[in-house]
C-alpha atoms as a PDB file:
ATOM      1  CA  MET A   1     107.172 118.286 101.527  1.00  0.00           C
ATOM      2  CA  ALA A   2     104.069 117.034  99.733  1.00  0.00           C
ATOM      3  CA  PHE A   3     101.331 118.342 102.065  1.00  0.00           C
ATOM      4  CA  ASP A   4     103.403 121.468 102.696  1.00  0.00           C
ATOM      5  CA  SER A   5     102.042 122.073 106.235  1.00  0.00           C
ATOM      6  CA  HIS A   6      98.389 122.006 105.153  1.00  0.00           C
ATOM      7  CA  SER A   7      95.825 120.785 107.700  1.00  0.00           C
ATOM      8  CA  ILE A   8      94.605 117.258 107.026  1.00  0.00           C
ATOM      9  CA  LEU A   9      91.629 115.646 108.769  1.00  0.00           C
ATOM     10  CA  ALA A  10      91.422 111.866 109.134  1.00  0.00           C
ATOM     11  CA  LEU A  11      88.575 109.956 110.782  1.00  0.00           C
ATOM     12  CA  GLU A  12      90.471 106.713 111.437  1.00  0.00           C
ATOM     13  CA  SER A  13      89.827 104.970 114.756  1.00  0.00           C
ATOM     14  CA  ARG A  14      91.595 101.633 115.186  1.00  0.00           C
ATOM     15  CA  ARG A  15      94.819 102.831 113.557  1.00  0.00           C
ATOM     16  CA  ALA A  16      94.612 106.499 114.522  1.00  0.00           C
ATOM     17  CA  PRO A  17      98.250 106.868 115.726  1.00  0.00           C
ATOM     18  CA  GLU A  18      99.554 105.256 112.539  1.00  0.00           C
ATOM     19  CA  MET A  19      97.391 107.523 110.390  1.00  0.00           C
ATOM     20  CA  GLU A  20      98.629 110.619 112.224  1.00  0.00           C
ATOM     21  CA  LYS A  21     102.231 109.552 111.694  1.00  0.00           C
ATOM     22  CA  LEU A  22     101.683 108.860 107.992  1.00  0.00           C
ATOM     23  CA  ILE A  23     100.204 112.313 107.415  1.00  0.00           C
ATOM     24  CA  ASN A  24     102.843 114.136 109.443  1.00  0.00           C
ATOM     25  CA  ASN A  25     105.624 112.243 107.641  1.00  0.00           C
ATOM     26  CA  GLN A  26     104.269 113.645 104.380  1.00  0.00           C
ATOM     27  CA  GLY A  27     104.512 117.180 105.706  1.00  0.00           C
ATOM     28  CA  GLY A  28     100.906 117.610 106.778  1.00  0.00           C
ATOM     29  CA  LYS A  29      99.411 118.901 110.014  1.00  0.00           C
ATOM     30  CA  ALA A  30      97.311 115.914 110.991  1.00  0.00           C
ATOM     31  CA  PHE A  31      94.146 116.073 113.044  1.00  0.00           C
ATOM     32  CA  VAL A  32      92.806 112.566 113.624  1.00  0.00           C
ATOM     33  CA  ALA A  33      89.282 112.360 115.047  1.00  0.00           C
ATOM     34  CA  PRO A  34      88.280 108.746 115.842  1.00  0.00           C
ATOM     35  CA  SER A  35      84.765 108.368 114.471  1.00  0.00           C
ATOM     36  CA  MET A  36      83.666 104.851 115.450  1.00  0.00           C
ATOM     37  CA  ARG A  37      84.239 101.822 117.612  1.00  0.00           C
ATOM     38  CA  GLU A  38      83.475  98.190 116.969  1.00  0.00           C
ATOM     39  CA  VAL A  39      81.184  96.808 119.659  1.00  0.00           C
ATOM     40  CA  PRO A  40      80.319  93.094 119.934  1.00  0.00           C
ATOM     41  CA  LEU A  41      76.591  92.470 119.825  1.00  0.00           C
ATOM     42  CA  GLU A  42      75.147  92.204 123.320  1.00  0.00           C
ATOM     43  CA  SER A  43      73.312  89.039 122.335  1.00  0.00           C
ATOM     44  CA  ASN A  44      75.263  86.316 120.570  1.00  0.00           C
ATOM     45  CA  THR A  45      72.112  84.411 119.612  1.00  0.00           C
ATOM     46  CA  GLU A  46      72.833  84.733 115.891  1.00  0.00           C
ATOM     47  CA  ALA A  47      76.392  83.464 116.329  1.00  0.00           C
ATOM     48  CA  PHE A  48      75.287  80.405 118.304  1.00  0.00           C
ATOM     49  CA  ASP A  49      72.431  79.669 115.891  1.00  0.00           C
ATOM     50  CA  PHE A  50      74.962  79.851 113.069  1.00  0.00           C
ATOM     51  CA  ALA A  51      77.334  77.505 114.926  1.00  0.00           C
ATOM     52  CA  GLU A  52      74.629  74.905 115.488  1.00  0.00           C
ATOM     53  CA  LYS A  53      73.697  74.933 111.794  1.00  0.00           C
ATOM     54  CA  LEU A  54      77.357  74.877 110.753  1.00  0.00           C
ATOM     55  CA  PHE A  55      78.143  71.860 112.918  1.00  0.00           C
ATOM     56  CA  ALA A  56      74.991  70.116 111.654  1.00  0.00           C
ATOM     57  CA  GLY A  57      76.165  70.499 108.054  1.00  0.00           C
ATOM     58  CA  LYS A  58      73.434  72.951 107.032  1.00  0.00           C
ATOM     59  CA  PHE A  59      75.687  75.217 104.934  1.00  0.00           C
ATOM     60  CA  ASP A  60      77.289  74.663 101.529  1.00  0.00           C
ATOM     61  CA  LEU A  61      79.445  77.806 101.488  1.00  0.00           C
ATOM     62  CA  ILE A  62      80.790  80.352 103.983  1.00  0.00           C
ATOM     63  CA  ILE A  63      81.665  83.962 103.127  1.00  0.00           C
ATOM     64  CA  LEU A  64      83.919  85.816 105.579  1.00  0.00           C
ATOM     65  CA  LEU A  65      83.907  89.590 105.159  1.00  0.00           C
ATOM     66  CA  THR A  66      86.392  90.751 107.814  1.00  0.00           C
ATOM     67  CA  GLY A  67      89.342  89.434 109.771  1.00  0.00           C
ATOM     68  CA  VAL A  68      88.171  91.039 113.018  1.00  0.00           C
ATOM     69  CA  GLY A  69      84.722  89.502 112.639  1.00  0.00           C
ATOM     70  CA  THR A  70      86.133  86.042 111.899  1.00  0.00           C
ATOM     71  CA  ARG A  71      88.323  86.141 115.022  1.00  0.00           C
ATOM     72  CA  TYR A  72      85.439  87.365 117.138  1.00  0.00           C
ATOM     73  CA  LEU A  73      83.137  84.651 115.807  1.00  0.00           C
ATOM     74  CA  ASP A  74      85.750  82.021 116.693  1.00  0.00           C
ATOM     75  CA  LYS A  75      86.034  83.390 120.248  1.00  0.00           C
ATOM     76  CA  VAL A  76      82.263  83.565 120.763  1.00  0.00           C
ATOM     77  CA  ILE A  77      81.716  80.005 119.547  1.00  0.00           C
ATOM     78  CA  ALA A  78      84.552  78.765 121.782  1.00  0.00           C
ATOM     79  CA  THR A  79      82.633  79.990 124.848  1.00  0.00           C
ATOM     80  CA  ARG A  80      80.035  77.278 124.257  1.00  0.00           C
ATOM     81  CA  TYR A  81      81.827  74.664 122.174  1.00  0.00           C
ATOM     82  CA  GLU A  82      85.270  73.078 122.212  1.00  0.00           C
ATOM     83  CA  PRO A  83      87.966  75.547 121.075  1.00  0.00           C
ATOM     84  CA  GLY A  84      89.035  74.867 117.519  1.00  0.00           C
ATOM     85  CA  ARG A  85      85.720  73.355 116.500  1.00  0.00           C
ATOM     86  CA  PHE A  86      84.812  76.391 114.408  1.00  0.00           C
ATOM     87  CA  ALA A  87      88.011  76.086 112.363  1.00  0.00           C
ATOM     88  CA  GLU A  88      87.506  72.343 112.051  1.00  0.00           C
ATOM     89  CA  ALA A  89      84.024  72.901 110.598  1.00  0.00           C
ATOM     90  CA  LEU A  90      85.286  75.555 108.177  1.00  0.00           C
ATOM     91  CA  ARG A  91      87.851  73.098 106.791  1.00  0.00           C
ATOM     92  CA  LYS A  92      84.977  70.924 105.574  1.00  0.00           C
ATOM     93  CA  LEU A  93      83.413  73.676 103.472  1.00  0.00           C
ATOM     94  CA  PRO A  94      84.440  76.029 100.682  1.00  0.00           C
ATOM     95  CA  VAL A  95      85.270  79.416 102.228  1.00  0.00           C
ATOM     96  CA  ILE A  96      85.258  82.678 100.283  1.00  0.00           C
ATOM     97  CA  VAL A  97      86.956  85.750 101.793  1.00  0.00           C
ATOM     98  CA  ARG A  98      86.514  89.432 100.978  1.00  0.00           C
ATOM     99  CA  GLY A  99      90.175  90.368 101.060  1.00  0.00           C
ATOM    100  CA  PRO A 100      93.584  89.940 102.700  1.00  0.00           C
ATOM    101  CA  LYS A 101      92.496  90.392 106.326  1.00  0.00           C
ATOM    102  CA  PRO A 102      90.044  87.474 106.555  1.00  0.00           C
ATOM    103  CA  LEU A 103      92.480  85.521 104.374  1.00  0.00           C
ATOM    104  CA  ALA A 104      95.216  86.042 106.976  1.00  0.00           C
ATOM    105  CA  VAL A 105      92.918  84.844 109.773  1.00  0.00           C
ATOM    106  CA  CYS A 106      92.004  81.738 107.789  1.00  0.00           C
ATOM    107  CA  ARG A 107      95.687  80.956 107.366  1.00  0.00           C
ATOM    108  CA  GLU A 108      96.220  81.365 111.113  1.00  0.00           C
ATOM    109  CA  MET A 109      93.363  78.906 111.685  1.00  0.00           C
ATOM    110  CA  ASP A 110      94.707  76.529 109.005  1.00  0.00           C
ATOM    111  CA  VAL A 111      91.501  76.915 106.987  1.00  0.00           C
ATOM    112  CA  PRO A 112      91.868  76.562 103.197  1.00  0.00           C
ATOM    113  CA  VAL A 113      90.281  79.325 101.128  1.00  0.00           C
ATOM    114  CA  ALA A 114      88.341  78.470  97.975  1.00  0.00           C
ATOM    115  CA  GLY A 115      88.224  82.033  96.670  1.00  0.00           C
ATOM    116  CA  ILE A 116      89.163  85.612  97.448  1.00  0.00           C
ATOM    117  CA  ALA A 117      87.565  88.812  96.214  1.00  0.00           C
ATOM    118  CA  PRO A 118      90.240  90.879  94.438  1.00  0.00           C
ATOM    119  CA  GLU A 119      90.755  94.579  95.065  1.00  0.00           C
ATOM    120  CA  PRO A 120      88.924  96.780  95.699  1.00  0.00           C
ATOM    121  CA  ASN A 121      87.187  93.996  97.688  1.00  0.00           C
ATOM    122  CA  THR A 122      83.601  95.207  97.248  1.00  0.00           C
ATOM    123  CA  TRP A 123      80.502  93.004  97.047  1.00  0.00           C
ATOM    124  CA  ARG A 124      80.845  93.060  93.276  1.00  0.00           C
ATOM    125  CA  GLU A 125      84.248  91.379  93.418  1.00  0.00           C
ATOM    126  CA  LEU A 126      82.800  88.887  95.910  1.00  0.00           C
ATOM    127  CA  MET A 127      80.110  87.968  93.405  1.00  0.00           C
ATOM    128  CA  THR A 128      82.822  87.403  90.810  1.00  0.00           C
ATOM    129  CA  ALA A 129      84.498  84.990  93.224  1.00  0.00           C
ATOM    130  CA  VAL A 130      81.290  82.955  93.675  1.00  0.00           C
ATOM    131  CA  GLU A 131      79.651  83.281  90.256  1.00  0.00           C
ATOM    132  CA  ALA A 132      80.884  79.899  89.007  1.00  0.00           C
ATOM    133  CA  ARG A 133      79.946  78.056  92.196  1.00  0.00           C
ATOM    134  CA  ALA A 134      76.810  75.932  92.558  1.00  0.00           C
ATOM    135  CA  GLU A 135      76.386  76.077  96.359  1.00  0.00           C
ATOM    136  CA  LYS A 136      73.033  77.468  97.507  1.00  0.00           C
ATOM    137  CA  CYS A 137      72.998  77.412 101.331  1.00  0.00           C
ATOM    138  CA  ILE A 138      75.327  80.300 102.163  1.00  0.00           C
ATOM    139  CA  ALA A 139      76.341  81.921 105.465  1.00  0.00           C
ATOM    140  CA  VAL A 140      77.732  85.474 105.389  1.00  0.00           C
ATOM    141  CA  GLN A 141      79.743  86.843 108.316  1.00  0.00           C
ATOM    142  CA  GLU A 142      78.770  90.506 108.438  1.00  0.00           C
ATOM    143  CA  TYR A 143      80.698  93.572 109.565  1.00  0.00           C
ATOM    144  CA  GLY A 144      78.654  96.080 111.466  1.00  0.00           C
ATOM    145  CA  LYS A 145      75.786  96.527 109.058  1.00  0.00           C
ATOM    146  CA  THR A 146      74.140  94.393 106.414  1.00  0.00           C
ATOM    147  CA  ASN A 147      75.434  94.700 102.860  1.00  0.00           C
ATOM    148  CA  HIS A 148      72.029  94.582 101.206  1.00  0.00           C
ATOM    149  CA  GLU A 149      73.485  94.588  97.695  1.00  0.00           C
ATOM    150  CA  LEU A 150      75.526  91.460  98.437  1.00  0.00           C
ATOM    151  CA  ILE A 151      72.611  89.628 100.044  1.00  0.00           C
ATOM    152  CA  ALA A 152      70.306  90.531  97.149  1.00  0.00           C
ATOM    153  CA  ALA A 153      72.866  89.421  94.567  1.00  0.00           C
ATOM    154  CA  LEU A 154      73.379  86.063  96.310  1.00  0.00           C
ATOM    155  CA  GLU A 155      69.639  85.511  96.564  1.00  0.00           C
ATOM    156  CA  ALA A 156      69.158  86.491  92.918  1.00  0.00           C
ATOM    157  CA  ARG A 157      71.359  83.570  91.896  1.00  0.00           C
ATOM    158  CA  GLY A 158      69.218  81.207  93.967  1.00  0.00           C
ATOM    159  CA  GLY A 159      71.104  81.367  97.247  1.00  0.00           C
ATOM    160  CA  GLU A 160      69.531  80.789 100.646  1.00  0.00           C
ATOM    161  CA  VAL A 161      71.482  83.290 102.703  1.00  0.00           C
ATOM    162  CA  THR A 162      72.011  83.272 106.475  1.00  0.00           C
ATOM    163  CA  ARG A 163      73.366  86.542 107.864  1.00  0.00           C
ATOM    164  CA  VAL A 164      75.798  86.229 110.799  1.00  0.00           C
ATOM    165  CA  PRO A 165      76.222  89.627 112.503  1.00  0.00           C
ATOM    166  CA  VAL A 166      79.104  89.560 114.982  1.00  0.00           C
ATOM    167  CA  TYR A 167      79.718  93.197 115.868  1.00  0.00           C
ATOM    168  CA  GLN A 168      78.291  96.608 115.203  1.00  0.00           C
ATOM    169  CA  TRP A 169      79.684 100.090 114.789  1.00  0.00           C
ATOM    170  CA  GLU A 170      78.841 102.764 117.317  1.00  0.00           C
ATOM    171  CA  MET A 171      80.039 106.257 118.053  1.00  0.00           C
ATOM    172  CA  PRO A 172      83.354 106.508 119.917  1.00  0.00           C
ATOM    173  CA  GLU A 173      82.990 106.758 123.670  1.00  0.00           C
ATOM    174  CA  ASP A 174      84.609 110.196 123.489  1.00  0.00           C
ATOM    175  CA  THR A 175      82.995 112.197 120.689  1.00  0.00           C
ATOM    176  CA  GLY A 176      84.937 115.353 121.578  1.00  0.00           C
ATOM    177  CA  PRO A 177      87.520 115.075 118.764  1.00  0.00           C
ATOM    178  CA  LEU A 178      84.794 114.284 116.223  1.00  0.00           C
ATOM    179  CA  ARG A 179      82.765 117.314 117.328  1.00  0.00           C
ATOM    180  CA  GLU A 180      85.875 119.475 117.062  1.00  0.00           C
ATOM    181  CA  ALA A 181      86.441 118.084 113.572  1.00  0.00           C
ATOM    182  CA  VAL A 182      82.913 119.130 112.570  1.00  0.00           C
ATOM    183  CA  ARG A 183      83.418 122.634 113.969  1.00  0.00           C
ATOM    184  CA  ARG A 184      86.777 123.019 112.251  1.00  0.00           C
ATOM    185  CA  LEU A 185      85.410 121.682 108.975  1.00  0.00           C
ATOM    186  CA  SER A 186      82.589 124.198 109.237  1.00  0.00           C
ATOM    187  CA  ALA A 187      85.192 126.939 109.633  1.00  0.00           C
ATOM    188  CA  LYS A 188      87.036 125.648 106.518  1.00  0.00           C
ATOM    189  CA  GLU A 189      90.168 124.892 108.520  1.00  0.00           C
ATOM    190  CA  PHE A 190      90.970 121.598 106.746  1.00  0.00           C
ATOM    191  CA  ASP A 191      92.462 121.297 103.287  1.00  0.00           C
ATOM    192  CA  ALA A 192      91.812 117.566 102.928  1.00  0.00           C
ATOM    193  CA  VAL A 193      89.587 114.979 104.596  1.00  0.00           C
ATOM    194  CA  LEU A 194      90.413 111.270 104.547  1.00  0.00           C
ATOM    195  CA  PHE A 195      87.655 108.631 104.758  1.00  0.00           C
ATOM    196  CA  THR A 196      88.845 105.055 105.276  1.00  0.00           C
ATOM    197  CA  THR A 197      85.491 103.330 105.838  1.00  0.00           C
ATOM    198  CA  SER A 198      81.875 104.047 105.006  1.00  0.00           C
ATOM    199  CA  VAL A 199      80.663 104.396 108.613  1.00  0.00           C
ATOM    200  CA  GLN A 200      82.915 107.428 109.116  1.00  0.00           C
ATOM    201  CA  ALA A 201      80.711 109.431 106.747  1.00  0.00           C
ATOM    202  CA  ASP A 202      77.544 108.355 108.583  1.00  0.00           C
ATOM    203  CA  HIS A 203      78.916 109.346 111.980  1.00  0.00           C
ATOM    204  CA  LEU A 204      80.401 112.632 110.745  1.00  0.00           C
ATOM    205  CA  MET A 205      76.993 113.620 109.390  1.00  0.00           C
ATOM    206  CA  GLU A 206      75.254 112.515 112.590  1.00  0.00           C
ATOM    207  CA  ILE A 207      77.502 114.715 114.736  1.00  0.00           C
ATOM    208  CA  ALA A 208      77.036 117.630 112.312  1.00  0.00           C
ATOM    209  CA  GLU A 209      73.269 117.294 112.738  1.00  0.00           C
ATOM    210  CA  GLN A 210      73.622 117.261 116.531  1.00  0.00           C
ATOM    211  CA  GLU A 211      75.776 120.397 116.355  1.00  0.00           C
ATOM    212  CA  HIS A 212      73.383 122.066 113.869  1.00  0.00           C
ATOM    213  CA  LEU A 213      76.286 122.515 111.463  1.00  0.00           C
ATOM    214  CA  VAL A 214      75.314 120.368 108.478  1.00  0.00           C
ATOM    215  CA  GLY A 215      75.229 123.296 106.047  1.00  0.00           C
ATOM    216  CA  PRO A 216      78.515 124.921 107.138  1.00  0.00           C
ATOM    217  CA  MET A 217      80.234 121.516 107.325  1.00  0.00           C
ATOM    218  CA  ARG A 218      79.174 120.702 103.770  1.00  0.00           C
ATOM    219  CA  GLU A 219      80.685 124.013 102.698  1.00  0.00           C
ATOM    220  CA  GLY A 220      83.881 123.001 104.485  1.00  0.00           C
ATOM    221  CA  LEU A 221      83.890 119.667 102.681  1.00  0.00           C
ATOM    222  CA  ASP A 222      83.396 121.488  99.399  1.00  0.00           C
ATOM    223  CA  HIS A 223      86.455 123.585 100.277  1.00  0.00           C
ATOM    224  CA  ALA A 224      88.604 120.525 101.095  1.00  0.00           C
ATOM    225  CA  VAL A 225      89.953 117.690  98.979  1.00  0.00           C
ATOM    226  CA  ILE A 226      87.859 114.629  99.841  1.00  0.00           C
ATOM    227  CA  ALA A 227      89.789 111.366  99.761  1.00  0.00           C
ATOM    228  CA  SER A 228      88.074 107.963  99.788  1.00  0.00           C
ATOM    229  CA  ILE A 229      89.978 104.727 100.344  1.00  0.00           C
ATOM    230  CA  GLY A 230      87.899 102.825  97.787  1.00  0.00           C
ATOM    231  CA  PRO A 231      84.587 102.193  95.978  1.00  0.00           C
ATOM    232  CA  THR A 232      82.588 101.023  99.012  1.00  0.00           C
ATOM    233  CA  THR A 233      83.444 104.182 100.939  1.00  0.00           C
ATOM    234  CA  THR A 234      82.863 106.282  97.835  1.00  0.00           C
ATOM    235  CA  GLU A 235      79.354 104.832  97.505  1.00  0.00           C
ATOM    236  CA  ALA A 236      78.629 105.802 101.118  1.00  0.00           C
ATOM    237  CA  LEU A 237      79.899 109.337 100.496  1.00  0.00           C
ATOM    238  CA  ASN A 238      77.784 109.581  97.356  1.00  0.00           C
ATOM    239  CA  GLY A 239      74.806 108.568  99.479  1.00  0.00           C
ATOM    240  CA  HIS A 240      75.413 111.709 101.538  1.00  0.00           C
ATOM    241  CA  GLY A 241      75.682 113.849  98.409  1.00  0.00           C
ATOM    242  CA  LEU A 242      79.485 114.008  98.528  1.00  0.00           C
ATOM    243  CA  GLN A 243      81.770 113.297  95.576  1.00  0.00           C
ATOM    244  CA  PRO A 244      85.328 112.264  96.481  1.00  0.00           C
ATOM    245  CA  ASP A 245      88.151 113.955  94.630  1.00  0.00           C
ATOM    246  CA  PHE A 246      90.595 111.098  95.089  1.00  0.00           C
ATOM    247  CA  GLU A 247      90.848 107.324  95.443  1.00  0.00           C
ATOM    248  CA  PRO A 248      94.220 105.542  95.828  1.00  0.00           C
ATOM    249  CA  SER A 249      95.434 102.902  93.387  1.00  0.00           C
ATOM    250  CA  HIS A 250      95.010 100.276  96.142  1.00  0.00           C
ATOM    251  CA  PRO A 251      92.690 100.451  99.192  1.00  0.00           C
ATOM    252  CA  LYS A 252      95.528 100.604 101.725  1.00  0.00           C
ATOM    253  CA  MET A 253      95.977 103.343 104.290  1.00  0.00           C
ATOM    254  CA  GLY A 254      99.693 103.883 103.630  1.00  0.00           C
ATOM    255  CA  ILE A 255      99.235 103.970  99.869  1.00  0.00           C
ATOM    256  CA  MET A 256      96.298 106.328 100.282  1.00  0.00           C
ATOM    257  CA  VAL A 257      98.296 108.899 102.249  1.00  0.00           C
ATOM    258  CA  PHE A 258     101.372 108.639 100.019  1.00  0.00           C
ATOM    259  CA  GLU A 259      99.457 109.044  96.763  1.00  0.00           C
ATOM    260  CA  LEU A 260      97.242 111.803  98.148  1.00  0.00           C
ATOM    261  CA  ALA A 261     100.328 113.712  99.277  1.00  0.00           C
ATOM    262  CA  ARG A 262     101.939 113.175  95.875  1.00  0.00           C
ATOM    263  CA  ASP A 263      98.904 114.569  94.028  1.00  0.00           C
ATOM    264  CA  PHE A 264      97.771 117.030  96.683  1.00  0.00           C
ATOM    265  CA  HIS A 265      98.631 120.333  95.020  1.00  0.00           C
ATOM    266  CA  ASP A 266      97.139 119.280  91.673  1.00  0.00           C
ATOM    267  CA  LEU A 267      93.967 118.147  93.445  1.00  0.00           C
ATOM    268  CA  CYS A 268      93.730 121.460  95.315  1.00  0.00           C
ATOM    269  CA  GLU A 269      94.030 123.411  92.058  1.00  0.00           C
ATOM    270  CA  LYS A 270      91.402 121.226  90.377  1.00  0.00           C
ATOM    271  CA  LYS A 271      89.072 121.625  93.360  1.00  0.00           C
ATOM    272  CA  SER A 272      89.548 125.394  93.324  1.00  0.00           C
ATOM    273  CA  ARG A 273      88.744 125.589  89.604  1.00  0.00           C
ATOM    274  CA  SER A 274      85.586 123.508  90.073  1.00  0.00           C
ATOM    275  CA  ARG A 275      84.232 126.087  92.527  1.00  0.00           C
ATOM    276  CA  LEU A 276      84.574 128.972  90.055  1.00  0.00           C
END
């Protein structure tokens, strides 16, 4: 089969069992090390401040970056206000979504969408979706960390941007598998490493520093085929001095594994030649 029993490391958290199954079905020996968890902010002050301004008609445009964050924001607001009021307020404004997941949540909430960022759903595609719009007072639902490029681009076109952080990314409660992944990478035991979000790279490097294995782990990454799910994750990897060898045709986990398996042997040969 495509992976031909080679060892494949994935850092997926929320969909770890599915990722393991996808890799094994393509003939790989999967090792999935959850690398993050989404934690709601301890203080919901920003969410409630946003709700008050939203209900008072202070915004011209809302940008929703994630489905999980949109659902969480709805639940938080419903603890203080009448359930359904958030969706009702969104129906009165143009809403731009980053991709299919927040789009699906909007449909569940019966909220019309004025625009959607096409694949690969980065901040650049978001700016394409809003470039012809005249609205200036903009709220952006964030996803764990601020996308400074997006905020700067919105402000550069005259926008007054309100950031709405609703959850943050932290290390998994059990870092054992991630530490084992670092040790095995350092020993060059993996033939491919799959990154499905930018935070995975940050946390992998953080654990490597704690284990005093940054140098050996980088050598292990140089040995392996590095797969990135899309441009945003690739930018994060580049920020750590890593250059992915592969991106799928669409930023979907299933497509990523299938296409990586299909091209795996060619990628391994190309990687081997580059080290000569």
